[in-house]
C-alpha atoms as a PDB file:
ATOM      1  CA  MET A   1       1.713   0.428   7.845  1.00  0.00           C
ATOM      2  CA  ASN A   2      -1.347   2.473   8.681  1.00  0.00           C
ATOM      3  CA  GLU A   3      -3.548   1.851  11.731  1.00  0.00           C
ATOM      4  CA  ARG A   4      -5.963  -0.482   9.949  1.00  0.00           C
ATOM      5  CA  THR A   5      -3.185  -2.591   8.447  1.00  0.00           C
ATOM      6  CA  LEU A   6      -1.462  -2.869  11.829  1.00  0.00           C
ATOM      7  CA  VAL A   7      -4.670  -4.015  13.512  1.00  0.00           C
ATOM      8  CA  VAL A   8      -5.353  -6.557  10.768  1.00  0.00           C
ATOM      9  CA  ALA A   9      -1.783  -7.877  10.875  1.00  0.00           C
ATOM     10  CA  GLY A  10      -1.831  -7.970  14.685  1.00  0.00           C
ATOM     11  CA  ALA A  11      -5.192  -9.744  14.819  1.00  0.00           C
ATOM     12  CA  LEU A  12      -4.172 -12.293  12.185  1.00  0.00           C
ATOM     13  CA  ASN A  13      -0.955 -12.965  14.088  1.00  0.00           C
ATOM     14  CA  MET A  14      -2.939 -13.462  17.289  1.00  0.00           C
ATOM     15  CA  PHE A  15      -5.186 -15.905  15.410  1.00  0.00           C
ATOM     16  CA  ILE A  16      -2.108 -17.804  14.206  1.00  0.00           C
ATOM     17  CA  ALA A  17      -0.522 -17.731  17.679  1.00  0.00           C
ATOM     18  CA  VAL A  18      -3.644 -19.127  19.334  1.00  0.00           C
ATOM     19  CA  GLY A  19      -3.904 -21.825  16.672  1.00  0.00           C
ATOM     20  CA  CYS A  20      -0.225 -22.705  16.979  1.00  0.00           C
ATOM     21  CA  GLY A  21      -0.524 -22.774  20.754  1.00  0.00           C
ATOM     22  CA  ALA A  22      -3.427 -25.202  20.595  1.00  0.00           C
ATOM     23  CA  PHE A  23      -1.675 -27.287  17.945  1.00  0.00           C
ATOM     24  CA  GLY A  24       1.453 -27.453  20.089  1.00  0.00           C
ATOM     25  CA  ALA A  25      -0.473 -28.390  23.220  1.00  0.00           C
ATOM     26  CA  HIS A  26      -2.593 -31.047  21.563  1.00  0.00           C
ATOM     27  CA  GLY A  27      -1.256 -32.068  18.167  1.00  0.00           C
ATOM     28  CA  LEU A  28       2.485 -31.940  18.736  1.00  0.00           C
ATOM     29  CA  LYS A  29       2.627 -33.096  22.356  1.00  0.00           C
ATOM     30  CA  LYS A  30       3.333 -36.713  21.442  1.00  0.00           C
ATOM     31  CA  MET A  31       5.368 -35.936  18.329  1.00  0.00           C
ATOM     32  CA  LEU A  32       8.023 -33.526  19.636  1.00  0.00           C
ATOM     33  CA  SER A  33      10.553 -33.797  22.425  1.00  0.00           C
ATOM     34  CA  ASP A  34      10.149 -31.641  25.514  1.00  0.00           C
ATOM     35  CA  GLU A  35      12.971 -29.412  24.222  1.00  0.00           C
ATOM     36  CA  MET A  36      11.261 -28.856  20.872  1.00  0.00           C
ATOM     37  CA  LEU A  37       7.893 -28.253  22.570  1.00  0.00           C
ATOM     38  CA  ALA A  38       9.544 -25.584  24.729  1.00  0.00           C
ATOM     39  CA  ILE A  39      10.927 -23.950  21.578  1.00  0.00           C
ATOM     40  CA  TRP A  40       7.440 -24.084  20.013  1.00  0.00           C
ATOM     41  CA  HIS A  41       5.982 -22.491  23.144  1.00  0.00           C
ATOM     42  CA  THR A  42       8.555 -19.679  23.012  1.00  0.00           C
ATOM     43  CA  ALA A  43       7.604 -18.976  19.396  1.00  0.00           C
ATOM     44  CA  VAL A  44       3.904 -18.814  20.319  1.00  0.00           C
ATOM     45  CA  THR A  45       4.546 -16.550  23.307  1.00  0.00           C
ATOM     46  CA  TYR A  46       6.631 -14.033  21.374  1.00  0.00           C
ATOM     47  CA  GLN A  47       4.252 -14.050  18.432  1.00  0.00           C
ATOM     48  CA  ALA A  48       1.287 -13.312  20.713  1.00  0.00           C
ATOM     49  CA  MET A  49       3.124 -10.581  22.648  1.00  0.00           C
ATOM     50  CA  HIS A  50       4.213  -8.774  19.529  1.00  0.00           C
ATOM     51  CA  ALA A  51       0.884  -9.187  17.749  1.00  0.00           C
ATOM     52  CA  LEU A  52      -0.622  -7.309  20.691  1.00  0.00           C
ATOM     53  CA  GLY A  53       2.245  -4.837  20.387  1.00  0.00           C
ATOM     54  CA  MET A  54       1.238  -4.171  16.785  1.00  0.00           C
ATOM     55  CA  ILE A  55      -2.334  -3.481  17.868  1.00  0.00           C
ATOM     56  CA  ALA A  56      -1.046  -1.169  20.611  1.00  0.00           C
ATOM     57  CA  ILE A  57       1.033   0.719  18.049  1.00  0.00           C
ATOM     58  CA  ALA A  58      -2.060   1.105  15.865  1.00  0.00           C
ATOM     59  CA  LEU A  59      -3.916   2.587  18.818  1.00  0.00           C
ATOM     60  CA  LEU A  60      -1.010   4.927  19.624  1.00  0.00           C
ATOM     61  CA  LEU A  61      -0.437   6.113  16.053  1.00  0.00           C
ATOM     62  CA  PRO A  62      -3.091   8.859  16.125  1.00  0.00           C
ATOM     63  CA  ARG A  63      -1.604  10.219  19.340  1.00  0.00           C
ATOM     64  CA  LEU A  64       2.125   9.753  18.748  1.00  0.00           C
ATOM     65  CA  GLY A  65       2.151   9.507  14.962  1.00  0.00           C
ATOM     66  CA  GLY A  66       5.289   9.814  12.942  1.00  0.00           C
ATOM     67  CA  ALA A  67       7.540   7.584  10.919  1.00  0.00           C
ATOM     68  CA  LEU A  68       9.095   6.025  14.026  1.00  0.00           C
ATOM     69  CA  MET A  69       5.826   4.361  15.004  1.00  0.00           C
ATOM     70  CA  HIS A  70       5.325   3.088  11.469  1.00  0.00           C
ATOM     71  CA  TRP A  71       8.822   1.610  11.563  1.00  0.00           C
ATOM     72  CA  ALA A  72       8.059   0.049  14.944  1.00  0.00           C
ATOM     73  CA  GLY A  73       5.016  -1.723  13.524  1.00  0.00           C
ATOM     74  CA  ASN A  74       6.964  -2.985  10.527  1.00  0.00           C
ATOM     75  CA  LEU A  75       9.795  -4.200  12.744  1.00  0.00           C
ATOM     76  CA  MET A  76       7.375  -6.084  14.983  1.00  0.00           C
ATOM     77  CA  LEU A  77       5.926  -7.887  11.983  1.00  0.00           C
ATOM     78  CA  ALA A  78       9.413  -8.674  10.683  1.00  0.00           C
ATOM     79  CA  GLY A  79      10.395  -9.859  14.156  1.00  0.00           C
ATOM     80  CA  ILE A  80       7.429 -12.214  14.324  1.00  0.00           C
ATOM     81  CA  MET A  81       8.286 -13.682  10.950  1.00  0.00           C
ATOM     82  CA  LEU A  82      11.994 -14.093  11.711  1.00  0.00           C
ATOM     83  CA  PHE A  83      11.923 -14.940  15.432  1.00  0.00           C
ATOM     84  CA  SER A  84       8.779 -17.011  15.767  1.00  0.00           C
ATOM     85  CA  GLY A  85       8.941 -18.345  12.230  1.00  0.00           C
ATOM     86  CA  SER A  86      12.474 -19.675  12.667  1.00  0.00           C
ATOM     87  CA  LEU A  87      11.553 -21.255  16.004  1.00  0.00           C
ATOM     88  CA  TYR A  88       8.455 -22.939  14.557  1.00  0.00           C
ATOM     89  CA  LEU A  89      10.579 -24.391  11.762  1.00  0.00           C
ATOM     90  CA  LEU A  90      13.316 -25.412  14.190  1.00  0.00           C
ATOM     91  CA  ALA A  91      10.812 -27.238  16.394  1.00  0.00           C
ATOM     92  CA  LEU A  92       9.207 -29.033  13.449  1.00  0.00           C
ATOM     93  CA  THR A  93      12.346 -29.919  11.491  1.00  0.00           C
ATOM     94  CA  GLY A  94      15.114 -30.004  14.093  1.00  0.00           C
ATOM     95  CA  THR A  95      17.282 -27.992  11.691  1.00  0.00           C
ATOM     96  CA  ARG A  96      19.538 -26.173  14.146  1.00  0.00           C
ATOM     97  CA  VAL A  97      20.921 -23.713  11.573  1.00  0.00           C
ATOM     98  CA  LEU A  98      17.521 -21.997  11.700  1.00  0.00           C
ATOM     99  CA  GLY A  99      18.466 -20.862  15.195  1.00  0.00           C
ATOM    100  CA  ALA A 100      20.888 -18.426  13.564  1.00  0.00           C
ATOM    101  CA  ILE A 101      17.925 -16.461  12.162  1.00  0.00           C
ATOM    102  CA  THR A 102      16.171 -16.134  15.515  1.00  0.00           C
ATOM    103  CA  PRO A 103      18.414 -13.376  16.963  1.00  0.00           C
ATOM    104  CA  ILE A 104      17.727 -11.188  13.919  1.00  0.00           C
ATOM    105  CA  GLY A 105      14.041 -11.354  14.781  1.00  0.00           C
ATOM    106  CA  GLY A 106      14.850 -10.635  18.407  1.00  0.00           C
ATOM    107  CA  ALA A 107      16.840  -7.566  17.371  1.00  0.00           C
ATOM    108  CA  ALA A 108      13.843  -6.403  15.326  1.00  0.00           C
ATOM    109  CA  PHE A 109      11.648  -6.726  18.431  1.00  0.00           C
ATOM    110  CA  LEU A 110      14.129  -4.742  20.521  1.00  0.00           C
ATOM    111  CA  ALA A 111      14.421  -2.017  17.888  1.00  0.00           C
ATOM    112  CA  ALA A 112      10.634  -1.790  17.600  1.00  0.00           C
ATOM    113  CA  TRP A 113      10.182  -1.259  21.327  1.00  0.00           C
ATOM    114  CA  LEU A 114      12.951   1.361  21.378  1.00  0.00           C
ATOM    115  CA  LEU A 115      11.195   3.203  18.566  1.00  0.00           C
ATOM    116  CA  VAL A 116       7.931   3.162  20.512  1.00  0.00           C
ATOM    117  CA  ALA A 117       9.722   4.628  23.534  1.00  0.00           C
ATOM    118  CA  TRP A 118      11.486   7.205  21.395  1.00  0.00           C
ATOM    119  CA  SER A 119       8.197   8.232  19.771  1.00  0.00           C
ATOM    120  CA  ALA A 120       6.603   8.669  23.172  1.00  0.00           C
ATOM    121  CA  CYS A 121       9.515  10.823  24.364  1.00  0.00           C
ATOM    122  CA  LYS A 122       9.359  12.998  21.258  1.00  0.00           C
ATOM    123  CA  ALA A 123       5.577  13.497  21.390  1.00  0.00           C
END
């Protein structure tokens, strides 16, 4: 992804995270158990953190450049979809098998941050 696409994707994910956070705090509070609300909150938190990470990568791309930073941005987006997405679905449906997808998203987040660090070391 180029800088503009990363910023757009990061901003849209922040928009979704804020909306999901508000929905969880107000709309789901009486519908979900405390355990499922905590799972929802974790999904929102990680989505927001990594949406900001995507914007940070976009800002760093002109300085650090390279394929590693592009991969990092792609992995953050994939991580949001897999990690937060699976947790949102788990909280809403109670389908526990979705929890098996979550670590794949977490691994994508970890790999993305390692690639950012590696890019900074190489620059």
